Amino acid sequence: WLELKKIQSIEVINLPSDKEKADEIFHGLC
């Protein structure tokens, strides 16, 4: 966990649908 906190991350906690989560992840990847 200490290692993971050092790298970039994307939160999709409050997004209700899988599509919205995927869209946010996709934009983060881009």
Full PDB file with SEQRES, HELIX, SHEET, SSBOND, CRYST1, ORIGX, SCALE, CONECT and MASTER records, all heavy atoms in Angstrom:
SEQRES   1 A   30  TRP LEU GLU LEU LYS LYS ILE GLN SER ILE GLU VAL ILE          
SEQRES   2 A   30  ASN LEU PRO SER ASP LYS GLU LYS ALA ASP GLU ILE PHE          
SEQRES   3 A   30  HIS GLY LEU CYS                                              
HELIX    1 AA1 LEU A    4  LYS A    6  5                                   3    
HELIX    2 AA2 ASP A   18  LEU A   29  1                                  12    
CRYST1    1.000    1.000    1.000  90.00  90.00  90.00 P 1           1          
ORIGX1      1.000000  0.000000  0.000000        0.00000                         
ORIGX2      0.000000  1.000000  0.000000        0.00000                         
ORIGX3      0.000000  0.000000  1.000000        0.00000                         
SCALE1      1.000000  0.000000  0.000000        0.00000                         
SCALE2      0.000000  1.000000  0.000000        0.00000                         
SCALE3      0.000000  0.000000  1.000000        0.00000                         
ATOM      1  N   TRP A   1       0.826  -1.205   0.000  1.00  0.00           N  
ATOM      2  CA  TRP A   1       0.000   0.000   0.000  1.00  0.00           C  
ATOM      3  C   TRP A   1       0.864   1.261   0.000  1.00  0.00           C  
ATOM      4  O   TRP A   1       0.565   2.235  -0.686  1.00  0.00           O  
ATOM      5  CB  TRP A   1      -0.935  -0.010   1.203  1.00  0.00           C  
ATOM      6  CG  TRP A   1      -1.707   1.251   1.415  1.00  0.00           C  
ATOM      7  CD1 TRP A   1      -1.651   2.083   2.486  1.00  0.00           C  
ATOM      8  CD2 TRP A   1      -2.653   1.852   0.515  1.00  0.00           C  
ATOM      9  NE1 TRP A   1      -2.512   3.147   2.325  1.00  0.00           N  
ATOM     10  CE2 TRP A   1      -3.133   3.032   1.120  1.00  0.00           C  
ATOM     11  CE3 TRP A   1      -3.139   1.494  -0.737  1.00  0.00           C  
ATOM     12  CZ2 TRP A   1      -4.064   3.867   0.515  1.00  0.00           C  
ATOM     13  CZ3 TRP A   1      -4.077   2.332  -1.348  1.00  0.00           C  
ATOM     14  CH2 TRP A   1      -4.525   3.491  -0.721  1.00  0.00           C  
ATOM     15  N   LEU A   2       1.955   1.255   0.745  1.00  0.00           N  
ATOM     16  CA  LEU A   2       2.860   2.400   0.747  1.00  0.00           C  
ATOM     17  C   LEU A   2       3.440   2.632  -0.643  1.00  0.00           C  
ATOM     18  O   LEU A   2       3.648   3.777  -1.059  1.00  0.00           O  
ATOM     19  CB  LEU A   2       3.992   2.175   1.754  1.00  0.00           C  
ATOM     20  CG  LEU A   2       3.595   2.115   3.236  1.00  0.00           C  
ATOM     21  CD1 LEU A   2       4.827   1.946   4.107  1.00  0.00           C  
ATOM     22  CD2 LEU A   2       2.810   3.349   3.649  1.00  0.00           C  
ATOM     23  N   GLU A   3       3.692   1.556  -1.371  1.00  0.00           N  
ATOM     24  CA  GLU A   3       4.181   1.668  -2.751  1.00  0.00           C  
ATOM     25  C   GLU A   3       3.101   2.248  -3.665  1.00  0.00           C  
ATOM     26  O   GLU A   3       3.365   3.121  -4.487  1.00  0.00           O  
ATOM     27  CB  GLU A   3       4.611   0.296  -3.267  1.00  0.00           C  
ATOM     28  CG  GLU A   3       5.953  -0.177  -2.759  1.00  0.00           C  
ATOM     29  CD  GLU A   3       7.109   0.478  -3.507  1.00  0.00           C  
ATOM     30  OE1 GLU A   3       7.016   0.630  -4.738  1.00  0.00           O  
ATOM     31  OE2 GLU A   3       8.088   0.850  -2.858  1.00  0.00           O  
ATOM     32  N   LEU A   4       1.883   1.744  -3.514  1.00  0.00           N  
ATOM     33  CA  LEU A   4       0.794   2.178  -4.388  1.00  0.00           C  
ATOM     34  C   LEU A   4       0.492   3.659  -4.247  1.00  0.00           C  
ATOM     35  O   LEU A   4       0.094   4.319  -5.206  1.00  0.00           O  
ATOM     36  CB  LEU A   4      -0.471   1.366  -4.098  1.00  0.00           C  
ATOM     37  CG  LEU A   4      -0.422  -0.126  -4.440  1.00  0.00           C  
ATOM     38  CD1 LEU A   4      -1.692  -0.815  -3.966  1.00  0.00           C  
ATOM     39  CD2 LEU A   4      -0.229  -0.340  -5.933  1.00  0.00           C  
ATOM     40  N   LYS A   5       0.681   4.198  -3.070  1.00  0.00           N  
ATOM     41  CA  LYS A   5       0.372   5.608  -2.830  1.00  0.00           C  
ATOM     42  C   LYS A   5       1.318   6.540  -3.583  1.00  0.00           C  
ATOM     43  O   LYS A   5       1.049   7.727  -3.705  1.00  0.00           O  
ATOM     44  CB  LYS A   5       0.430   5.902  -1.327  1.00  0.00           C  
ATOM     45  CG  LYS A   5      -0.689   5.246  -0.539  1.00  0.00           C  
ATOM     46  CD  LYS A   5      -0.517   5.424   0.958  1.00  0.00           C  
ATOM     47  CE  LYS A   5      -0.737   6.859   1.382  1.00  0.00           C  
ATOM     48  NZ  LYS A   5      -0.691   7.025   2.857  1.00  0.00           N  
ATOM     49  N   LYS A   6       2.410   5.994  -4.111  1.00  0.00           N  
ATOM     50  CA  LYS A   6       3.394   6.818  -4.808  1.00  0.00           C  
ATOM     51  C   LYS A   6       3.078   6.982  -6.291  1.00  0.00           C  
ATOM     52  O   LYS A   6       3.708   7.792  -6.958  1.00  0.00           O  
ATOM     53  CB  LYS A   6       4.794   6.194  -4.665  1.00  0.00           C  
ATOM     54  CG  LYS A   6       5.301   6.058  -3.246  1.00  0.00           C  
ATOM     55  CD  LYS A   6       6.631   5.334  -3.229  1.00  0.00           C  
ATOM     56  CE  LYS A   6       7.112   5.069  -1.809  1.00  0.00           C  
ATOM     57  NZ  LYS A   6       8.382   4.294  -1.811  1.00  0.00           N  
ATOM     58  N   ILE A   7       2.143   6.192  -6.816  1.00  0.00           N  
ATOM     59  CA  ILE A   7       1.900   6.232  -8.253  1.00  0.00           C  
ATOM     60  C   ILE A   7       0.558   6.884  -8.566  1.00  0.00           C  
ATOM     61  O   ILE A   7      -0.310   7.012  -7.706  1.00  0.00           O  
ATOM     62  CB  ILE A   7       1.968   4.815  -8.868  1.00  0.00           C  
ATOM     63  CG1 ILE A   7       0.811   3.941  -8.391  1.00  0.00           C  
ATOM     64  CG2 ILE A   7       3.286   4.151  -8.558  1.00  0.00           C  
ATOM     65  CD1 ILE A   7       0.785   2.562  -9.026  1.00  0.00           C  
ATOM     66  N   GLN A   8       0.416   7.288  -9.817  1.00  0.00           N  
ATOM     67  CA  GLN A   8      -0.812   7.970 -10.244  1.00  0.00           C  
ATOM     68  C   GLN A   8      -2.006   7.025 -10.159  1.00  0.00           C  
ATOM     69  O   GLN A   8      -1.894   5.838 -10.422  1.00  0.00           O  
ATOM     70  CB  GLN A   8      -0.647   8.474 -11.676  1.00  0.00           C  
ATOM     71  CG  GLN A   8      -1.846   9.220 -12.215  1.00  0.00           C  
ATOM     72  CD  GLN A   8      -1.561   9.822 -13.566  1.00  0.00           C  
ATOM     73  OE1 GLN A   8      -0.716  10.709 -13.694  1.00  0.00           O  
ATOM     74  NE2 GLN A   8      -2.249   9.354 -14.585  1.00  0.00           N  
ATOM     75  N   SER A   9      -3.149   7.569  -9.799  1.00  0.00           N  
ATOM     76  CA  SER A   9      -4.342   6.737  -9.676  1.00  0.00           C  
ATOM     77  C   SER A   9      -5.566   7.486 -10.193  1.00  0.00           C  
ATOM     78  O   SER A   9      -5.544   8.707 -10.354  1.00  0.00           O  
ATOM     79  CB  SER A   9      -4.559   6.315  -8.216  1.00  0.00           C  
ATOM     80  OG  SER A   9      -4.701   7.448  -7.384  1.00  0.00           O  
ATOM     81  N   ILE A  10      -6.618   6.730 -10.467  1.00  0.00           N  
ATOM     82  CA  ILE A  10      -7.872   7.279 -10.965  1.00  0.00           C  
ATOM     83  C   ILE A  10      -8.996   6.802 -10.070  1.00  0.00           C  
ATOM     84  O   ILE A  10      -9.112   5.599  -9.803  1.00  0.00           O  
ATOM     85  CB  ILE A  10      -8.131   6.831 -12.423  1.00  0.00           C  
ATOM     86  CG1 ILE A  10      -6.977   7.260 -13.325  1.00  0.00           C  
ATOM     87  CG2 ILE A  10      -9.449   7.401 -12.934  1.00  0.00           C  
ATOM     88  CD1 ILE A  10      -7.054   6.688 -14.727  1.00  0.00           C  
ATOM     89  N   GLU A  11      -9.811   7.719  -9.589  1.00  0.00           N  
ATOM     90  CA  GLU A  11     -10.938   7.371  -8.726  1.00  0.00           C  
ATOM     91  C   GLU A  11     -12.225   7.295  -9.546  1.00  0.00           C  
ATOM     92  O   GLU A  11     -12.548   8.225 -10.282  1.00  0.00           O  
ATOM     93  CB  GLU A  11     -11.100   8.404  -7.621  1.00  0.00           C  
ATOM     94  CG  GLU A  11      -9.971   8.409  -6.609  1.00  0.00           C  
ATOM     95  CD  GLU A  11     -10.208   9.425  -5.499  1.00  0.00           C  
ATOM     96  OE1 GLU A  11     -11.180  10.214  -5.620  1.00  0.00           O  
ATOM     97  OE2 GLU A  11      -9.448   9.430  -4.534  1.00  0.00           O  
ATOM     98  N   VAL A  12     -12.942   6.200  -9.385  1.00  0.00           N  
ATOM     99  CA  VAL A  12     -14.257   6.066 -10.035  1.00  0.00           C  
ATOM    100  C   VAL A  12     -15.299   5.674  -8.988  1.00  0.00           C  
ATOM    101  O   VAL A  12     -16.301   5.035  -9.285  1.00  0.00           O  
ATOM    102  CB  VAL A  12     -14.202   5.026 -11.179  1.00  0.00           C  
ATOM    103  CG1 VAL A  12     -13.317   5.513 -12.314  1.00  0.00           C  
ATOM    104  CG2 VAL A  12     -13.711   3.669 -10.678  1.00  0.00           C  
ATOM    105  N   ILE A  13     -15.052   6.090  -7.771  1.00  0.00           N  
ATOM    106  CA  ILE A  13     -15.851   5.667  -6.617  1.00  0.00           C  
ATOM    107  C   ILE A  13     -17.313   6.069  -6.750  1.00  0.00           C  
ATOM    108  O   ILE A  13     -18.215   5.273  -6.496  1.00  0.00           O  
ATOM    109  CB  ILE A  13     -15.260   6.264  -5.320  1.00  0.00           C  
ATOM    110  CG1 ILE A  13     -13.806   5.805  -5.141  1.00  0.00           C  
ATOM    111  CG2 ILE A  13     -16.100   5.877  -4.112  1.00  0.00           C  
ATOM    112  CD1 ILE A  13     -13.039   6.600  -4.103  1.00  0.00           C  
ATOM    113  N   ASN A  14     -17.561   7.297  -7.149  1.00  0.00           N  
ATOM    114  CA  ASN A  14     -18.927   7.836  -7.142  1.00  0.00           C  
ATOM    115  C   ASN A  14     -19.635   7.748  -8.483  1.00  0.00           C  
ATOM    116  O   ASN A  14     -20.731   8.296  -8.635  1.00  0.00           O  
ATOM    117  CB  ASN A  14     -18.885   9.296  -6.671  1.00  0.00           C  
ATOM    118  CG  ASN A  14     -18.366   9.436  -5.251  1.00  0.00           C  
ATOM    119  OD1 ASN A  14     -18.729   8.642  -4.384  1.00  0.00           O  
ATOM    120  ND2 ASN A  14     -17.527  10.420  -5.023  1.00  0.00           N  
ATOM    121  N   LEU A  15     -19.039   7.082  -9.435  1.00  0.00           N  
ATOM    122  CA  LEU A  15     -19.678   6.944 -10.746  1.00  0.00           C  
ATOM    123  C   LEU A  15     -20.572   5.710 -10.748  1.00  0.00           C  
ATOM    124  O   LEU A  15     -20.113   4.611 -10.429  1.00  0.00           O  
ATOM    125  CB  LEU A  15     -18.613   6.842 -11.846  1.00  0.00           C  
ATOM    126  CG  LEU A  15     -17.707   8.075 -11.970  1.00  0.00           C  
ATOM    127  CD1 LEU A  15     -16.642   7.863 -13.033  1.00  0.00           C  
ATOM    128  CD2 LEU A  15     -18.527   9.314 -12.291  1.00  0.00           C  
ATOM    129  N   PRO A  16     -21.851   5.854 -11.086  1.00  0.00           N  
ATOM    130  CA  PRO A  16     -22.811   4.764 -10.889  1.00  0.00           C  
ATOM    131  C   PRO A  16     -22.716   3.612 -11.879  1.00  0.00           C  
ATOM    132  O   PRO A  16     -22.947   2.454 -11.511  1.00  0.00           O  
ATOM    133  CB  PRO A  16     -24.178   5.462 -11.015  1.00  0.00           C  
ATOM    134  CG  PRO A  16     -23.904   6.670 -11.860  1.00  0.00           C  
ATOM    135  CD  PRO A  16     -22.507   7.104 -11.532  1.00  0.00           C  
ATOM    136  N   SER A  17     -22.388   3.885 -13.132  1.00  0.00           N  
ATOM    137  CA  SER A  17     -22.440   2.818 -14.139  1.00  0.00           C  
ATOM    138  C   SER A  17     -21.046   2.381 -14.573  1.00  0.00           C  
ATOM    139  O   SER A  17     -20.069   3.133 -14.456  1.00  0.00           O  
ATOM    140  CB  SER A  17     -23.223   3.287 -15.364  1.00  0.00           C  
ATOM    141  OG  SER A  17     -22.495   4.277 -16.080  1.00  0.00           O  
ATOM    142  N   ASP A  18     -20.977   1.164 -15.105  1.00  0.00           N  
ATOM    143  CA  ASP A  18     -19.702   0.651 -15.609  1.00  0.00           C  
ATOM    144  C   ASP A  18     -19.204   1.498 -16.774  1.00  0.00           C  
ATOM    145  O   ASP A  18     -18.002   1.701 -16.927  1.00  0.00           O  
ATOM    146  CB  ASP A  18     -19.855  -0.805 -16.048  1.00  0.00           C  
ATOM    147  CG  ASP A  18     -20.039  -1.754 -14.871  1.00  0.00           C  
ATOM    148  OD1 ASP A  18     -19.621  -1.407 -13.757  1.00  0.00           O  
ATOM    149  OD2 ASP A  18     -20.600  -2.848 -15.079  1.00  0.00           O  
ATOM    150  N   LYS A  19     -20.123   1.981 -17.600  1.00  0.00           N  
ATOM    151  CA  LYS A  19     -19.723   2.793 -18.741  1.00  0.00           C  
ATOM    152  C   LYS A  19     -19.085   4.102 -18.287  1.00  0.00           C  
ATOM    153  O   LYS A  19     -18.059   4.526 -18.838  1.00  0.00           O  
ATOM    154  CB  LYS A  19     -20.914   3.095 -19.653  1.00  0.00           C  
ATOM    155  CG  LYS A  19     -20.519   3.842 -20.927  1.00  0.00           C  
ATOM    156  CD  LYS A  19     -21.716   4.117 -21.813  1.00  0.00           C  
ATOM    157  CE  LYS A  19     -21.266   4.751 -23.135  1.00  0.00           C  
ATOM    158  NZ  LYS A  19     -20.394   5.929 -22.957  1.00  0.00           N  
ATOM    159  N   GLU A  20     -19.676   4.741 -17.277  1.00  0.00           N  
ATOM    160  CA  GLU A  20     -19.103   5.985 -16.773  1.00  0.00           C  
ATOM    161  C   GLU A  20     -17.731   5.742 -16.149  1.00  0.00           C  
ATOM    162  O   GLU A  20     -16.815   6.557 -16.310  1.00  0.00           O  
ATOM    163  CB  GLU A  20     -20.047   6.614 -15.749  1.00  0.00           C  
ATOM    164  CG  GLU A  20     -21.317   7.183 -16.359  1.00  0.00           C  
ATOM    165  CD  GLU A  20     -22.292   7.660 -15.303  1.00  0.00           C  
ATOM    166  OE1 GLU A  20     -22.894   6.812 -14.621  1.00  0.00           O  
ATOM    167  OE2 GLU A  20     -22.441   8.894 -15.172  1.00  0.00           O  
ATOM    168  N   LYS A  21     -17.608   4.641 -15.440  1.00  0.00           N  
ATOM    169  CA  LYS A  21     -16.298   4.293 -14.862  1.00  0.00           C  
ATOM    170  C   LYS A  21     -15.271   4.073 -15.969  1.00  0.00           C  
ATOM    171  O   LYS A  21     -14.137   4.562 -15.902  1.00  0.00           O  
ATOM    172  CB  LYS A  21     -16.418   3.040 -13.998  1.00  0.00           C  
ATOM    173  CG  LYS A  21     -17.184   3.228 -12.692  1.00  0.00           C  
ATOM    174  CD  LYS A  21     -17.203   1.924 -11.908  1.00  0.00           C  
ATOM    175  CE  LYS A  21     -17.814   2.102 -10.518  1.00  0.00           C  
ATOM    176  NZ  LYS A  21     -19.260   2.349 -10.571  1.00  0.00           N  
ATOM    177  N   ALA A  22     -15.676   3.325 -17.006  1.00  0.00           N  
ATOM    178  CA  ALA A  22     -14.769   3.044 -18.113  1.00  0.00           C  
ATOM    179  C   ALA A  22     -14.380   4.328 -18.842  1.00  0.00           C  
ATOM    180  O   ALA A  22     -13.217   4.492 -19.239  1.00  0.00           O  
ATOM    181  CB  ALA A  22     -15.416   2.053 -19.079  1.00  0.00           C  
ATOM    182  N   ASP A  23     -15.331   5.238 -19.016  1.00  0.00           N  
ATOM    183  CA  ASP A  23     -15.037   6.512 -19.674  1.00  0.00           C  
ATOM    184  C   ASP A  23     -13.991   7.293 -18.885  1.00  0.00           C  
ATOM    185  O   ASP A  23     -13.062   7.877 -19.461  1.00  0.00           O  
ATOM    186  CB  ASP A  23     -16.312   7.356 -19.814  1.00  0.00           C  
ATOM    187  CG  ASP A  23     -17.255   6.821 -20.885  1.00  0.00           C  
ATOM    188  OD1 ASP A  23     -16.819   5.990 -21.703  1.00  0.00           O  
ATOM    189  OD2 ASP A  23     -18.435   7.234 -20.887  1.00  0.00           O  
ATOM    190  N   GLU A  24     -14.147   7.318 -17.574  1.00  0.00           N  
ATOM    191  CA  GLU A  24     -13.199   8.059 -16.734  1.00  0.00           C  
ATOM    192  C   GLU A  24     -11.814   7.410 -16.770  1.00  0.00           C  
ATOM    193  O   GLU A  24     -10.785   8.102 -16.829  1.00  0.00           O  
ATOM    194  CB  GLU A  24     -13.718   8.107 -15.301  1.00  0.00           C  
ATOM    195  CG  GLU A  24     -13.084   9.186 -14.441  1.00  0.00           C  
ATOM    196  CD  GLU A  24     -13.471  10.585 -14.881  1.00  0.00           C  
ATOM    197  OE1 GLU A  24     -14.549  10.780 -15.467  1.00  0.00           O  
ATOM    198  OE2 GLU A  24     -12.660  11.503 -14.635  1.00  0.00           O  
ATOM    199  N   ILE A  25     -11.786   6.094 -16.745  1.00  0.00           N  
ATOM    200  CA  ILE A  25     -10.507   5.380 -16.826  1.00  0.00           C  
ATOM    201  C   ILE A  25      -9.851   5.635 -18.177  1.00  0.00           C  
ATOM    202  O   ILE A  25      -8.638   5.866 -18.267  1.00  0.00           O  
ATOM    203  CB  ILE A  25     -10.720   3.875 -16.593  1.00  0.00           C  
ATOM    204  CG1 ILE A  25     -11.152   3.621 -15.146  1.00  0.00           C  
ATOM    205  CG2 ILE A  25      -9.445   3.089 -16.905  1.00  0.00           C  
ATOM    206  CD1 ILE A  25     -11.649   2.213 -14.885  1.00  0.00           C  
ATOM    207  N   PHE A  26     -10.656   5.604 -19.236  1.00  0.00           N  
ATOM    208  CA  PHE A  26     -10.125   5.836 -20.574  1.00  0.00           C  
ATOM    209  C   PHE A  26      -9.501   7.227 -20.687  1.00  0.00           C  
ATOM    210  O   PHE A  26      -8.402   7.395 -21.230  1.00  0.00           O  
ATOM    211  CB  PHE A  26     -11.239   5.677 -21.612  1.00  0.00           C  
ATOM    212  CG  PHE A  26     -10.807   5.996 -23.012  1.00  0.00           C  
ATOM    213  CD1 PHE A  26      -9.832   5.239 -23.641  1.00  0.00           C  
ATOM    214  CD2 PHE A  26     -11.371   7.058 -23.698  1.00  0.00           C  
ATOM    215  CE1 PHE A  26      -9.417   5.542 -24.936  1.00  0.00           C  
ATOM    216  CE2 PHE A  26     -10.970   7.365 -24.991  1.00  0.00           C  
ATOM    217  CZ  PHE A  26      -9.997   6.600 -25.614  1.00  0.00           C  
ATOM    218  N   HIS A  27     -10.193   8.237 -20.157  1.00  0.00           N  
ATOM    219  CA  HIS A  27      -9.649   9.593 -20.201  1.00  0.00           C  
ATOM    220  C   HIS A  27      -8.362   9.683 -19.373  1.00  0.00           C  
ATOM    221  O   HIS A  27      -7.428  10.397 -19.752  1.00  0.00           O  
ATOM    222  CB  HIS A  27     -10.681  10.602 -19.697  1.00  0.00           C  
ATOM    223  CG  HIS A  27     -11.719  10.937 -20.713  1.00  0.00           C  
ATOM    224  ND1 HIS A  27     -12.734  10.056 -21.072  1.00  0.00           N  
ATOM    225  CD2 HIS A  27     -11.918  12.047 -21.475  1.00  0.00           C  
ATOM    226  CE1 HIS A  27     -13.493  10.619 -21.999  1.00  0.00           C  
ATOM    227  NE2 HIS A  27     -13.029  11.820 -22.258  1.00  0.00           N  
ATOM    228  N   GLY A  28      -8.300   8.954 -18.255  1.00  0.00           N  
ATOM    229  CA  GLY A  28      -7.082   8.934 -17.461  1.00  0.00           C  
ATOM    230  C   GLY A  28      -5.928   8.269 -18.191  1.00  0.00           C  
ATOM    231  O   GLY A  28      -4.782   8.723 -18.120  1.00  0.00           O  
ATOM    232  N   LEU A  29      -6.234   7.196 -18.917  1.00  0.00           N  
ATOM    233  CA  LEU A  29      -5.202   6.516 -19.706  1.00  0.00           C  
ATOM    234  C   LEU A  29      -4.668   7.442 -20.798  1.00  0.00           C  
ATOM    235  O   LEU A  29      -3.461   7.480 -21.059  1.00  0.00           O  
ATOM    236  CB  LEU A  29      -5.781   5.243 -20.332  1.00  0.00           C  
ATOM    237  CG  LEU A  29      -6.030   4.069 -19.389  1.00  0.00           C  
ATOM    238  CD1 LEU A  29      -6.831   2.977 -20.093  1.00  0.00           C  
ATOM    239  CD2 LEU A  29      -4.716   3.501 -18.857  1.00  0.00           C  
ATOM    240  N   CYS A  30      -5.575   8.179 -21.442  1.00  0.00           N  
ATOM    241  CA  CYS A  30      -5.162   9.121 -22.487  1.00  0.00           C  
ATOM    242  C   CYS A  30      -4.311  10.239 -21.918  1.00  0.00           C  
ATOM    243  O   CYS A  30      -3.392  10.740 -22.576  1.00  0.00           O  
ATOM    244  CB  CYS A  30      -6.387   9.696 -23.191  1.00  0.00           C  
ATOM    245  SG  CYS A  30      -7.289   8.490 -24.193  1.00  0.00           S  
TER     246      CYS A  30                                                      
MASTER        0    0    0    2    0    0    0    6  245    1    0    3          
END                                                                             
